[in-house]
């Protein structure tokens, strides 16, 4: 099983392929308080394409974690390897890391 296939096997994060493209689907049925419809809501996700093309698999792993958080896998499901550059905040020795998961390049 490829890394992509092992990460994209849930309902909240899945993948399928056409003859020319691989399509990733991130799904969320939870709307945050104050949610407003409108254009431009997906624009922050655009850089993910370039990152994936460059070989950065962190968003795939985070998609897998979303599926785990929502209980979409059995307890015996194998965890894909953690991609380089992805650290848990608790494991990061740098005070500048402030989100749940972060890419920390500080030395």
Protein backbone atom coordinates (compact mmCIF):
# COMPACT_ATOMS: atom_id res chain seq x y z
CA UNK A 1 0.00 0.00 0.00
CA UNK A 2 1.40 3.42 -0.91
CA UNK A 3 1.72 6.27 1.58
CA UNK A 4 -1.06 8.13 -0.25
CA UNK A 5 -3.38 5.12 -0.10
CA UNK A 6 -2.65 4.51 3.60
CA UNK A 7 -3.49 8.13 4.48
CA UNK A 8 -6.57 8.53 2.30
CA UNK A 9 -8.73 5.65 3.39
CA UNK A 10 -11.46 7.30 5.45
CA UNK A 11 -14.64 9.21 4.81
CA UNK A 12 -13.24 12.57 5.93
CA UNK A 13 -10.15 12.25 3.71
CA UNK A 14 -10.19 10.14 0.58
CA UNK A 15 -8.70 9.98 -2.90
CA UNK A 16 -9.54 8.76 -6.35
CA UNK A 17 -7.77 8.91 -9.69
CA UNK A 18 -8.73 9.81 -13.21
CA UNK A 19 -6.58 9.05 -16.25
CA UNK A 20 -4.66 12.29 -15.71
CA UNK A 21 -5.15 13.39 -12.11
CA UNK A 22 -5.33 12.28 -8.50
CA UNK A 23 -8.13 13.98 -6.60
CA UNK A 24 -7.97 14.46 -2.84
CA UNK A 25 -11.17 15.02 -0.92
CA UNK A 26 -11.16 16.62 2.54
CA UNK A 27 -14.67 16.59 3.97
CA UNK A 28 -16.08 18.19 7.08
CA UNK A 29 -19.70 18.18 8.12
CA UNK A 30 -18.97 20.42 11.10
CA UNK A 31 -19.48 24.12 10.55
CA UNK A 32 -17.69 26.37 13.01
CA UNK A 33 -19.69 28.97 14.89
CA UNK A 34 -19.99 32.12 12.81
CA UNK A 35 -19.57 30.24 9.51
CA UNK A 36 -20.42 32.33 6.49
CA UNK A 37 -20.90 31.20 2.92
CA UNK A 38 -18.74 32.95 0.38
CA UNK A 39 -16.02 32.85 -2.22
CA UNK A 40 -12.38 32.47 -1.34
CA UNK A 41 -12.84 30.09 1.58
CA UNK A 42 -10.68 27.42 -0.07
CA UNK A 43 -7.87 29.74 -1.20
CA UNK A 44 -5.68 28.88 1.83
CA UNK A 45 -5.61 25.27 0.55
CA UNK A 46 -4.14 26.18 -2.85
CA UNK A 47 -0.49 25.96 -1.67
CA UNK A 48 -1.05 22.31 -0.69
CA UNK A 49 -0.92 21.34 -4.36
CA UNK A 50 2.57 22.78 -4.81
CA UNK A 51 3.70 21.23 -1.54
CA UNK A 52 2.45 17.79 -2.61
CA UNK A 53 4.13 18.10 -6.01
CA UNK A 54 7.37 18.99 -4.20
CA UNK A 55 7.05 15.80 -2.13
CA UNK A 56 5.77 17.34 1.11
CA UNK A 57 3.33 14.76 2.50
CA UNK A 58 2.41 16.49 5.77
CA UNK A 59 -1.12 17.39 4.67
CA UNK A 60 -1.77 13.72 3.78
CA UNK A 61 -0.79 12.64 7.28
CA UNK A 62 -2.95 15.37 8.83
CA UNK A 63 -5.86 14.13 6.70
CA UNK A 64 -5.26 10.65 8.12
CA UNK A 65 -5.28 12.11 11.65
CA UNK A 66 -8.63 13.77 10.89
CA UNK A 67 -10.05 10.35 10.04
CA UNK A 68 -8.61 8.90 13.26
CA UNK A 69 -10.09 11.76 15.30
CA UNK A 70 -13.50 11.02 13.82
CA UNK A 71 -13.25 7.30 14.60
CA UNK A 72 -13.17 6.17 10.97
CA UNK A 73 -10.52 3.47 11.48
CA UNK A 74 -10.39 0.32 13.57
CA UNK A 75 -8.02 0.28 16.54
CA UNK A 76 -5.72 -2.15 14.72
CA UNK A 77 -5.33 0.15 11.68
CA UNK A 78 -1.66 0.75 10.89
CA UNK A 79 -0.46 4.31 11.23
CA UNK A 80 1.41 5.66 8.21
CA UNK A 81 4.91 6.97 8.92
CA UNK A 82 5.04 10.55 10.21
CA UNK A 83 6.41 12.73 7.39
CA UNK A 84 9.60 14.70 7.98
CA UNK A 85 8.96 18.19 9.30
CA UNK A 86 5.76 17.37 11.17
CA UNK A 87 6.05 17.75 14.90
CA UNK A 88 3.56 17.67 17.73
CA UNK A 89 3.50 20.96 19.63
CA UNK A 90 4.30 19.13 22.85
CA UNK A 91 7.39 17.65 21.27
CA UNK A 92 8.65 20.92 19.85
CA UNK A 93 11.25 22.73 21.96
CA UNK A 94 10.60 26.08 20.25
CA UNK A 95 8.18 28.53 21.79
CA UNK A 96 7.22 29.89 18.36
CA UNK A 97 5.18 26.78 17.53
CA UNK A 98 1.61 27.65 18.38
CA UNK A 99 -0.76 25.41 16.45
CA UNK A 100 -1.81 21.85 17.08
CA UNK A 101 0.65 20.53 14.50
CA UNK A 102 3.41 22.54 12.97
CA UNK A 103 6.37 22.39 10.70
CA UNK A 104 9.26 23.53 12.80
CA UNK A 105 12.47 24.49 11.07
CA UNK A 106 14.02 26.35 14.02
CA UNK A 107 17.27 24.93 15.29
